[in-house]
Every structure is written in structure tokens, then in C-alpha cells.
Amino acid sequence: MSDLLKRIIPCLDVDRGRVVKGVNFQNMRDMGDPVELARRYEDEGADELVFLDISASAEARPTALAMVRKVSKALSIPFTLGGGLRTMDDIFAFLEAGADKVCLNTTAVKQPEVITAGADQFGSQCIVVAVDVKRREDGSFGVFTHGGRNDSGKEARSWVREVADRGAGEILLTSMDRDGTGIGYDMEITGELSRTMPVPVIASGGARNPQDLMDAFNGGADAVLAATMFHSGEFHVGKTKEWLAERGIPVRLDF
């Protein structure tokens, strides 16, 4: 395991300026104001935040940009904005509004040259590529787009390597099989890619408790994404980090 500090990253789904939570993208419930929740997570000791604009569209874009400006003024920790970014102009607009990084998914698959152009123009550290994977019957992992609805036909290992070669600074790897299940991250694929890729890999999909986070870190993940376990209030980010530190996981505790 790397001696670099491991990161805990709460994820907030945002729909037209409000944080929402659902099950399998259905029955969304309002969870509050993104700025207030962002401040809470920063106070708790979160290392970074990810906001996913689930209503990403031309109509919702001004609302999302306004949210990013407010969050940027309120936070001192880095945050990433993902959802519906299609062009270099979109990337520029959200970075200019205050996001530290942008997250590309469907656009990265459909127009991989955007990864290269984004990394060249804004720096690799600003470009995160989200890769949603699902296990196939033959044991390989397929890459899905459009919120997990479309099979791109790509294989996860080769696609992640291309993404890294094109200059992405990080990979956000979500197991669709584990997402929302609370049975822990899929460390077969996450661990393999964490150990073999030249860029950090963020584990996503399936976390229920601090043990799941520790398993991901011990398996090689550089960072973990979690939503429900923190949104529910059952677990506190800072107390989770203290629990991990007591068990030998190198995390930032100066919060």
C-alpha cells in the first residue's frame, strides 16, 4: 500500500440546485442545500467532495454554475463537478466558476479526444474520468455510459489504460454491480487497476461502513467515494478517519 495519504470523498448528487438521494436513481428525496452539506463535510474532515449534476442539461446548466460559484466561496477543500459536460467550453465554464476538477464519463467514451485536449489545456490534475463497470458472464468488465444505461462495448482494463495514456489525472471507478448494495467495493477490478495504473484510482460503489473503506485502501485504492453511509448520518467522516488511522491507514487528521 502506498504511503501517500488516503482520501475520503463524500459524493453529493445534485438535481437543479438541491442535493438528492434515491435508490437505483429512483424515488429521489431532497437532502438539502449543497453549500450547507459541503460545509458540514468539510468540518467533519472530508478530503474532497464530488458533486454529480444528475439533471445535467442546457436548461439546468445556469443553476449548476451558480451552485459551483457558491460552493467555491464556501469551501477550502478541493471539489469535483461531474455530469453532462460535453465540450471544452463546458469544462472551462465550471473550472472558471470555481470547481477544482471536472469529471467526464459519457463524453470521454464518445469523444476521447476531449480527455487529451482537457489535460493539455487545463492540466491533468483537473481531469477526472468516471468509468462505470459491470461484470460480464465471461469474467471481463464492460464499460457503461449514460448513467449506466448503455453498454459502450469497451472493456474496462483497456479503456482505463487509454484514459490514463490520454492524460486523465484520476480514475473514478464505479462498480455498477455493487452500487447501492452496501456489500463493499468490488476489489477484484478496483484493486487490479489501482496496482497497475499510473494514475490514482478512486473506489466507488457499495460502501456501507468504515470496514469497507479499509478493505478498499488495503486493496490498493488511492481514495474512496461514499454517499449513503455519510448522508444517513450513521457515520461521521472524521470519526471514520480516526477509526482508519487506528488500524494503520494513512489519512489526514488535521481538521
C-alpha atoms as a PDB file:
ATOM      1  CA  MET A   1       0.000   0.000   0.000  1.00  0.00           C
ATOM      2  CA  SER A   2       1.283   3.462  -0.872  1.00  0.00           C
ATOM      3  CA  ASP A   3       2.461   5.716   1.953  1.00  0.00           C
ATOM      4  CA  LEU A   4       0.575   8.636   0.397  1.00  0.00           C
ATOM      5  CA  LEU A   5      -2.382   9.808   2.446  1.00  0.00           C
ATOM      6  CA  LYS A   6      -5.612   8.066   1.532  1.00  0.00           C
ATOM      7  CA  ARG A   7      -8.591  10.283   0.730  1.00  0.00           C
ATOM      8  CA  ILE A   8     -12.246  10.059   1.753  1.00  0.00           C
ATOM      9  CA  ILE A   9     -14.570  11.781  -0.692  1.00  0.00           C
ATOM     10  CA  PRO A  10     -18.300  12.183   0.045  1.00  0.00           C
ATOM     11  CA  CYS A  11     -20.410  12.288  -3.120  1.00  0.00           C
ATOM     12  CA  LEU A  12     -23.422  14.576  -3.483  1.00  0.00           C
ATOM     13  CA  ASP A  13     -25.965  14.095  -6.260  1.00  0.00           C
ATOM     14  CA  VAL A  14     -27.455  17.438  -7.229  1.00  0.00           C
ATOM     15  CA  ASP A  15     -30.741  17.973  -9.053  1.00  0.00           C
ATOM     16  CA  ARG A  16     -31.469  21.548 -10.086  1.00  0.00           C
ATOM     17  CA  GLY A  17     -29.507  23.042  -7.233  1.00  0.00           C
ATOM     18  CA  ARG A  18     -30.557  20.645  -4.445  1.00  0.00           C
ATOM     19  CA  VAL A  19     -28.837  17.564  -3.058  1.00  0.00           C
ATOM     20  CA  VAL A  20     -30.971  14.456  -3.548  1.00  0.00           C
ATOM     21  CA  LYS A  21     -30.713  10.802  -2.619  1.00  0.00           C
ATOM     22  CA  GLY A  22     -32.530   7.828  -4.065  1.00  0.00           C
ATOM     23  CA  VAL A  23     -32.275   4.111  -4.633  1.00  0.00           C
ATOM     24  CA  ASN A  24     -31.082   2.991  -8.062  1.00  0.00           C
ATOM     25  CA  PHE A  25     -31.668   6.529  -9.356  1.00  0.00           C
ATOM     26  CA  GLN A  26     -35.346   6.319  -8.415  1.00  0.00           C
ATOM     27  CA  ASN A  27     -37.558   7.892  -5.699  1.00  0.00           C
ATOM     28  CA  MET A  28     -35.281  10.859  -5.189  1.00  0.00           C
ATOM     29  CA  ARG A  29     -35.616  12.678  -1.864  1.00  0.00           C
ATOM     30  CA  ASP A  30     -34.444  16.201  -1.122  1.00  0.00           C
ATOM     31  CA  MET A  31     -31.436  16.088   1.217  1.00  0.00           C
ATOM     32  CA  GLY A  32     -30.801  19.790   1.472  1.00  0.00           C
ATOM     33  CA  ASP A  33     -28.703  22.673   0.228  1.00  0.00           C
ATOM     34  CA  PRO A  34     -25.391  21.697  -1.407  1.00  0.00           C
ATOM     35  CA  VAL A  35     -23.462  24.550   0.207  1.00  0.00           C
ATOM     36  CA  GLU A  36     -24.641  23.639   3.711  1.00  0.00           C
ATOM     37  CA  LEU A  37     -23.849  19.958   3.191  1.00  0.00           C
ATOM     38  CA  ALA A  38     -20.475  20.793   1.670  1.00  0.00           C
ATOM     39  CA  ARG A  39     -19.577  22.887   4.717  1.00  0.00           C
ATOM     40  CA  ARG A  40     -20.678  20.085   7.021  1.00  0.00           C
ATOM     41  CA  TYR A  41     -18.487  17.556   5.268  1.00  0.00           C
ATOM     42  CA  GLU A  42     -15.515  19.915   5.264  1.00  0.00           C
ATOM     43  CA  ASP A  43     -15.984  20.483   9.005  1.00  0.00           C
ATOM     44  CA  GLU A  44     -16.125  16.715   9.514  1.00  0.00           C
ATOM     45  CA  GLY A  45     -12.772  16.256   7.789  1.00  0.00           C
ATOM     46  CA  ALA A  46     -13.607  15.251   4.223  1.00  0.00           C
ATOM     47  CA  ASP A  47     -10.559  15.486   1.966  1.00  0.00           C
ATOM     48  CA  GLU A  48     -12.502  16.387  -1.154  1.00  0.00           C
ATOM     49  CA  LEU A  49     -16.082  16.425  -2.426  1.00  0.00           C
ATOM     50  CA  VAL A  50     -17.669  15.261  -5.666  1.00  0.00           C
ATOM     51  CA  PHE A  51     -20.866  16.847  -6.960  1.00  0.00           C
ATOM     52  CA  LEU A  52     -22.705  14.948  -9.679  1.00  0.00           C
ATOM     53  CA  ASP A  53     -25.214  17.086 -11.566  1.00  0.00           C
ATOM     54  CA  ILE A  54     -27.854  14.459 -12.295  1.00  0.00           C
ATOM     55  CA  SER A  55     -30.140  16.917 -14.075  1.00  0.00           C
ATOM     56  CA  ALA A  56     -27.331  17.997 -16.365  1.00  0.00           C
ATOM     57  CA  SER A  57     -28.804  19.682 -19.421  1.00  0.00           C
ATOM     58  CA  ALA A  58     -28.662  23.002 -21.190  1.00  0.00           C
ATOM     59  CA  GLU A  59     -31.671  24.137 -19.119  1.00  0.00           C
ATOM     60  CA  ALA A  60     -30.070  23.190 -15.794  1.00  0.00           C
ATOM     61  CA  ARG A  61     -26.588  24.471 -16.617  1.00  0.00           C
ATOM     62  CA  PRO A  62     -27.012  28.041 -15.234  1.00  0.00           C
ATOM     63  CA  THR A  63     -28.287  26.567 -11.943  1.00  0.00           C
ATOM     64  CA  ALA A  64     -25.306  24.212 -11.722  1.00  0.00           C
ATOM     65  CA  LEU A  65     -22.827  27.005 -12.443  1.00  0.00           C
ATOM     66  CA  ALA A  66     -24.430  29.178  -9.746  1.00  0.00           C
ATOM     67  CA  MET A  67     -24.119  26.287  -7.283  1.00  0.00           C
ATOM     68  CA  VAL A  68     -20.437  25.805  -8.127  1.00  0.00           C
ATOM     69  CA  ARG A  69     -19.746  29.504  -7.511  1.00  0.00           C
ATOM     70  CA  LYS A  70     -21.437  29.345  -4.105  1.00  0.00           C
ATOM     71  CA  VAL A  71     -19.672  26.121  -3.128  1.00  0.00           C
ATOM     72  CA  SER A  72     -16.309  27.520  -4.235  1.00  0.00           C
ATOM     73  CA  LYS A  73     -16.714  30.546  -1.967  1.00  0.00           C
ATOM     74  CA  ALA A  74     -17.713  28.363   0.989  1.00  0.00           C
ATOM     75  CA  LEU A  75     -15.067  25.614   0.746  1.00  0.00           C
ATOM     76  CA  SER A  76     -11.326  25.384   1.197  1.00  0.00           C
ATOM     77  CA  ILE A  77     -11.069  21.692   0.252  1.00  0.00           C
ATOM     78  CA  PRO A  78     -10.996  20.643  -3.430  1.00  0.00           C
ATOM     79  CA  PHE A  79     -14.195  19.629  -5.185  1.00  0.00           C
ATOM     80  CA  THR A  80     -15.076  17.997  -8.478  1.00  0.00           C
ATOM     81  CA  LEU A  81     -18.122  18.637 -10.668  1.00  0.00           C
ATOM     82  CA  GLY A  82     -19.442  15.931 -12.970  1.00  0.00           C
ATOM     83  CA  GLY A  83     -22.490  15.419 -15.138  1.00  0.00           C
ATOM     84  CA  GLY A  84     -23.305  16.473 -18.658  1.00  0.00           C
ATOM     85  CA  LEU A  85     -20.002  18.084 -19.588  1.00  0.00           C
ATOM     86  CA  ARG A  86     -19.742  17.709 -23.352  1.00  0.00           C
ATOM     87  CA  THR A  87     -17.311  20.291 -24.670  1.00  0.00           C
ATOM     88  CA  MET A  88     -14.136  22.145 -23.827  1.00  0.00           C
ATOM     89  CA  ASP A  89     -16.315  25.196 -23.221  1.00  0.00           C
ATOM     90  CA  ASP A  90     -18.240  23.257 -20.552  1.00  0.00           C
ATOM     91  CA  ILE A  91     -15.003  22.245 -18.844  1.00  0.00           C
ATOM     92  CA  PHE A  92     -13.732  25.823 -18.927  1.00  0.00           C
ATOM     93  CA  ALA A  93     -17.024  27.215 -17.581  1.00  0.00           C
ATOM     94  CA  PHE A  94     -17.057  25.001 -14.494  1.00  0.00           C
ATOM     95  CA  LEU A  95     -13.362  25.396 -13.733  1.00  0.00           C
ATOM     96  CA  GLU A  96     -13.744  29.157 -14.101  1.00  0.00           C
ATOM     97  CA  ALA A  97     -16.763  29.054 -11.764  1.00  0.00           C
ATOM     98  CA  GLY A  98     -14.555  27.507  -9.091  1.00  0.00           C
ATOM     99  CA  ALA A  99     -14.504  23.728  -9.451  1.00  0.00           C
ATOM    100  CA  ASP A 100     -11.033  22.271  -8.883  1.00  0.00           C
ATOM    101  CA  LYS A 101     -11.674  19.315 -11.186  1.00  0.00           C
ATOM    102  CA  VAL A 102     -14.249  18.145 -13.686  1.00  0.00           C
ATOM    103  CA  CYS A 103     -15.434  14.582 -14.138  1.00  0.00           C
ATOM    104  CA  LEU A 104     -16.095  13.169 -17.618  1.00  0.00           C
ATOM    105  CA  ASN A 105     -17.918   9.924 -18.320  1.00  0.00           C
ATOM    106  CA  THR A 106     -20.124   9.539 -21.399  1.00  0.00           C
ATOM    107  CA  THR A 107     -18.302  12.322 -23.237  1.00  0.00           C
ATOM    108  CA  ALA A 108     -14.963  10.634 -22.512  1.00  0.00           C
ATOM    109  CA  VAL A 109     -16.183   7.447 -24.220  1.00  0.00           C
ATOM    110  CA  LYS A 110     -17.855   9.171 -27.158  1.00  0.00           C
ATOM    111  CA  GLN A 111     -15.149  11.805 -27.696  1.00  0.00           C
ATOM    112  CA  PRO A 112     -11.950  10.585 -26.031  1.00  0.00           C
ATOM    113  CA  GLU A 113     -10.031  13.414 -27.653  1.00  0.00           C
ATOM    114  CA  VAL A 114     -11.717  15.708 -25.092  1.00  0.00           C
ATOM    115  CA  ILE A 115      -9.678  13.974 -22.357  1.00  0.00           C
ATOM    116  CA  THR A 116      -6.469  14.780 -24.189  1.00  0.00           C
ATOM    117  CA  ALA A 117      -7.475  18.340 -25.007  1.00  0.00           C
ATOM    118  CA  GLY A 118      -8.683  18.988 -21.451  1.00  0.00           C
ATOM    119  CA  ALA A 119      -5.488  17.651 -19.918  1.00  0.00           C
ATOM    120  CA  ASP A 120      -3.376  19.678 -22.347  1.00  0.00           C
ATOM    121  CA  GLN A 121      -5.241  22.929 -21.775  1.00  0.00           C
ATOM    122  CA  PHE A 122      -6.121  22.773 -18.069  1.00  0.00           C
ATOM    123  CA  GLY A 123      -3.670  20.196 -16.684  1.00  0.00           C
ATOM    124  CA  SER A 124      -4.154  16.522 -15.906  1.00  0.00           C
ATOM    125  CA  GLN A 125      -4.905  17.355 -12.273  1.00  0.00           C
ATOM    126  CA  CYS A 126      -8.190  18.959 -13.408  1.00  0.00           C
ATOM    127  CA  ILE A 127      -9.460  15.984 -15.425  1.00  0.00           C
ATOM    128  CA  VAL A 128     -11.146  13.030 -13.699  1.00  0.00           C
ATOM    129  CA  VAL A 129     -12.663  10.286 -15.848  1.00  0.00           C
ATOM    130  CA  ALA A 130     -15.517   8.283 -14.351  1.00  0.00           C
ATOM    131  CA  VAL A 131     -15.660   4.674 -15.501  1.00  0.00           C
ATOM    132  CA  ASP A 132     -18.849   2.735 -14.721  1.00  0.00           C
ATOM    133  CA  VAL A 133     -18.152  -1.004 -14.985  1.00  0.00           C
ATOM    134  CA  LYS A 134     -20.293  -4.108 -14.907  1.00  0.00           C
ATOM    135  CA  ARG A 135     -19.139  -7.697 -14.758  1.00  0.00           C
ATOM    136  CA  ARG A 136     -19.849  -9.784 -17.861  1.00  0.00           C
ATOM    137  CA  GLU A 137     -20.569 -13.508 -17.952  1.00  0.00           C
ATOM    138  CA  ASP A 138     -17.078 -14.249 -19.285  1.00  0.00           C
ATOM    139  CA  GLY A 139     -15.484 -12.520 -16.289  1.00  0.00           C
ATOM    140  CA  SER A 140     -14.467  -9.353 -18.108  1.00  0.00           C
ATOM    141  CA  PHE A 141     -15.780  -5.930 -17.121  1.00  0.00           C
ATOM    142  CA  GLY A 142     -17.815  -3.841 -19.552  1.00  0.00           C
ATOM    143  CA  VAL A 143     -17.849  -0.042 -19.579  1.00  0.00           C
ATOM    144  CA  PHE A 144     -21.269   1.645 -19.459  1.00  0.00           C
ATOM    145  CA  THR A 145     -22.326   5.205 -20.267  1.00  0.00           C
ATOM    146  CA  HIS A 146     -25.395   7.460 -19.955  1.00  0.00           C
ATOM    147  CA  GLY A 147     -25.793   6.849 -16.239  1.00  0.00           C
ATOM    148  CA  GLY A 148     -25.231   3.126 -16.600  1.00  0.00           C
ATOM    149  CA  ARG A 149     -27.878   2.610 -19.272  1.00  0.00           C
ATOM    150  CA  ASN A 150     -25.730   1.965 -22.358  1.00  0.00           C
ATOM    151  CA  ASP A 151     -23.080  -0.706 -22.879  1.00  0.00           C
ATOM    152  CA  SER A 152     -20.253   1.045 -24.721  1.00  0.00           C
ATOM    153  CA  GLY A 153     -18.757  -2.252 -25.867  1.00  0.00           C
ATOM    154  CA  LYS A 154     -15.440  -1.262 -24.290  1.00  0.00           C
ATOM    155  CA  GLU A 155     -13.524  -3.435 -21.823  1.00  0.00           C
ATOM    156  CA  ALA A 156     -12.617  -1.752 -18.550  1.00  0.00           C
ATOM    157  CA  ARG A 157      -8.917  -2.604 -18.371  1.00  0.00           C
ATOM    158  CA  SER A 158      -8.063  -1.386 -21.870  1.00  0.00           C
ATOM    159  CA  TRP A 159     -10.306   1.670 -21.574  1.00  0.00           C
ATOM    160  CA  VAL A 160      -8.786   2.770 -18.258  1.00  0.00           C
ATOM    161  CA  ARG A 161      -5.295   2.409 -19.720  1.00  0.00           C
ATOM    162  CA  GLU A 162      -6.303   4.571 -22.706  1.00  0.00           C
ATOM    163  CA  VAL A 163      -7.799   7.153 -20.352  1.00  0.00           C
ATOM    164  CA  ALA A 164      -4.540   7.309 -18.391  1.00  0.00           C
ATOM    165  CA  ASP A 165      -2.474   7.496 -21.565  1.00  0.00           C
ATOM    166  CA  ARG A 166      -4.617  10.406 -22.769  1.00  0.00           C
ATOM    167  CA  GLY A 167      -3.710  12.417 -19.685  1.00  0.00           C
ATOM    168  CA  ALA A 168      -6.529  11.965 -17.172  1.00  0.00           C
ATOM    169  CA  GLY A 169      -5.308  12.752 -13.671  1.00  0.00           C
ATOM    170  CA  GLU A 170      -7.579  10.310 -11.847  1.00  0.00           C
ATOM    171  CA  ILE A 171      -9.990   7.445 -12.480  1.00  0.00           C
ATOM    172  CA  LEU A 172     -13.313   7.291 -10.625  1.00  0.00           C
ATOM    173  CA  LEU A 173     -14.146   3.604 -10.893  1.00  0.00           C
ATOM    174  CA  THR A 174     -17.725   2.650 -10.017  1.00  0.00           C
ATOM    175  CA  SER A 175     -18.905  -0.947  -9.822  1.00  0.00           C
ATOM    176  CA  MET A 176     -22.484  -0.971 -11.072  1.00  0.00           C
ATOM    177  CA  ASP A 177     -22.906  -4.439  -9.565  1.00  0.00           C
ATOM    178  CA  ARG A 178     -22.101  -3.070  -6.103  1.00  0.00           C
ATOM    179  CA  ASP A 179     -23.601   0.412  -6.303  1.00  0.00           C
ATOM    180  CA  GLY A 180     -26.258   0.917  -3.638  1.00  0.00           C
ATOM    181  CA  THR A 181     -25.906  -2.638  -2.310  1.00  0.00           C
ATOM    182  CA  GLY A 182     -23.837  -1.919   0.790  1.00  0.00           C
ATOM    183  CA  ILE A 183     -21.778  -5.080   0.273  1.00  0.00           C
ATOM    184  CA  GLY A 184     -18.464  -3.292  -0.201  1.00  0.00           C
ATOM    185  CA  TYR A 185     -16.416  -2.222  -3.189  1.00  0.00           C
ATOM    186  CA  ASP A 186     -15.559  -4.649  -5.985  1.00  0.00           C
ATOM    187  CA  MET A 187     -11.892  -5.032  -5.193  1.00  0.00           C
ATOM    188  CA  GLU A 188     -11.175  -7.551  -7.947  1.00  0.00           C
ATOM    189  CA  ILE A 189     -11.243  -4.889 -10.631  1.00  0.00           C
ATOM    190  CA  THR A 190     -10.567  -1.888  -8.371  1.00  0.00           C
ATOM    191  CA  GLY A 191      -7.522  -3.461  -6.778  1.00  0.00           C
ATOM    192  CA  GLU A 192      -6.095  -4.648 -10.086  1.00  0.00           C
ATOM    193  CA  LEU A 193      -6.409  -1.244 -11.725  1.00  0.00           C
ATOM    194  CA  SER A 194      -5.148   0.579  -8.617  1.00  0.00           C
ATOM    195  CA  ARG A 195      -1.996  -1.506  -8.670  1.00  0.00           C
ATOM    196  CA  THR A 196      -1.333  -1.323 -12.409  1.00  0.00           C
ATOM    197  CA  MET A 197      -2.397   2.165 -13.490  1.00  0.00           C
ATOM    198  CA  PRO A 198      -0.020   5.146 -13.357  1.00  0.00           C
ATOM    199  CA  VAL A 199      -2.751   7.449 -12.005  1.00  0.00           C
ATOM    200  CA  PRO A 200      -4.810   7.329  -8.782  1.00  0.00           C
ATOM    201  CA  VAL A 201      -7.955   5.191  -8.737  1.00  0.00           C
ATOM    202  CA  ILE A 202     -10.970   6.180  -6.626  1.00  0.00           C
ATOM    203  CA  ALA A 203     -13.110   3.233  -5.486  1.00  0.00           C
ATOM    204  CA  SER A 204     -16.857   3.761  -5.819  1.00  0.00           C
ATOM    205  CA  GLY A 205     -19.989   1.667  -5.398  1.00  0.00           C
ATOM    206  CA  GLY A 206     -21.005  -0.448  -2.431  1.00  0.00           C
ATOM    207  CA  ALA A 207     -19.610   1.173   0.719  1.00  0.00           C
ATOM    208  CA  ARG A 208     -21.680   0.677   3.864  1.00  0.00           C
ATOM    209  CA  ASN A 209     -19.257   1.151   6.766  1.00  0.00           C
ATOM    210  CA  PRO A 210     -15.639   2.022   7.682  1.00  0.00           C
ATOM    211  CA  GLN A 211     -14.537  -1.593   7.234  1.00  0.00           C
ATOM    212  CA  ASP A 212     -15.455  -1.357   3.535  1.00  0.00           C
ATOM    213  CA  LEU A 213     -13.268   1.733   3.219  1.00  0.00           C
ATOM    214  CA  MET A 214     -10.366  -0.013   4.958  1.00  0.00           C
ATOM    215  CA  ASP A 215     -10.726  -3.033   2.674  1.00  0.00           C
ATOM    216  CA  ALA A 216     -10.568  -0.721  -0.357  1.00  0.00           C
ATOM    217  CA  PHE A 217      -7.444   1.032   0.905  1.00  0.00           C
ATOM    218  CA  ASN A 218      -5.746  -2.235   1.814  1.00  0.00           C
ATOM    219  CA  GLY A 219      -6.639  -3.485  -1.663  1.00  0.00           C
ATOM    220  CA  GLY A 220      -4.795  -0.605  -3.308  1.00  0.00           C
ATOM    221  CA  ALA A 221      -7.357   2.175  -3.822  1.00  0.00           C
ATOM    222  CA  ASP A 222      -5.932   5.678  -3.521  1.00  0.00           C
ATOM    223  CA  ALA A 223      -9.262   7.194  -2.462  1.00  0.00           C
ATOM    224  CA  VAL A 224     -12.828   6.121  -1.726  1.00  0.00           C
ATOM    225  CA  LEU A 225     -16.121   7.685  -2.747  1.00  0.00           C
ATOM    226  CA  ALA A 226     -19.092   7.244  -0.427  1.00  0.00           C
ATOM    227  CA  ALA A 227     -22.572   8.706  -0.237  1.00  0.00           C
ATOM    228  CA  THR A 228     -25.291   6.908   1.713  1.00  0.00           C
ATOM    229  CA  MET A 229     -23.156   5.926   4.698  1.00  0.00           C
ATOM    230  CA  PHE A 230     -22.393   9.600   5.345  1.00  0.00           C
ATOM    231  CA  HIS A 231     -25.639  11.189   4.129  1.00  0.00           C
ATOM    232  CA  SER A 232     -27.614   8.958   6.505  1.00  0.00           C
ATOM    233  CA  GLY A 233     -25.746  10.393   9.465  1.00  0.00           C
ATOM    234  CA  GLU A 234     -24.862   6.894  10.641  1.00  0.00           C
ATOM    235  CA  PHE A 235     -21.152   7.561  10.121  1.00  0.00           C
ATOM    236  CA  HIS A 236     -19.145  10.747  10.678  1.00  0.00           C
ATOM    237  CA  VAL A 237     -16.261  11.409   8.273  1.00  0.00           C
ATOM    238  CA  GLY A 238     -13.837  12.470  10.988  1.00  0.00           C
ATOM    239  CA  LYS A 239     -14.623   9.582  13.310  1.00  0.00           C
ATOM    240  CA  THR A 240     -14.306   7.213  10.349  1.00  0.00           C
ATOM    241  CA  LYS A 241     -10.847   8.619   9.606  1.00  0.00           C
ATOM    242  CA  GLU A 242      -9.807   8.195  13.233  1.00  0.00           C
ATOM    243  CA  TRP A 243     -11.000   4.583  13.126  1.00  0.00           C
ATOM    244  CA  LEU A 244      -8.969   4.001   9.962  1.00  0.00           C
ATOM    245  CA  ALA A 245      -5.861   5.686  11.397  1.00  0.00           C
ATOM    246  CA  GLU A 246      -6.016   3.450  14.470  1.00  0.00           C
ATOM    247  CA  ARG A 247      -5.812   0.488  12.084  1.00  0.00           C
ATOM    248  CA  GLY A 248      -2.819   1.752  10.178  1.00  0.00           C
ATOM    249  CA  ILE A 249      -4.424   3.549   7.224  1.00  0.00           C
ATOM    250  CA  PRO A 250      -2.580   6.818   6.482  1.00  0.00           C
ATOM    251  CA  VAL A 251      -5.262   9.547   6.451  1.00  0.00           C
ATOM    252  CA  ARG A 252      -5.265  13.292   7.089  1.00  0.00           C
ATOM    253  CA  LEU A 253      -6.324  14.056  10.655  1.00  0.00           C
ATOM    254  CA  ASP A 254      -5.624  17.817  10.889  1.00  0.00           C
ATOM    255  CA  PHE A 255      -9.193  19.006  10.640  1.00  0.00           C
END
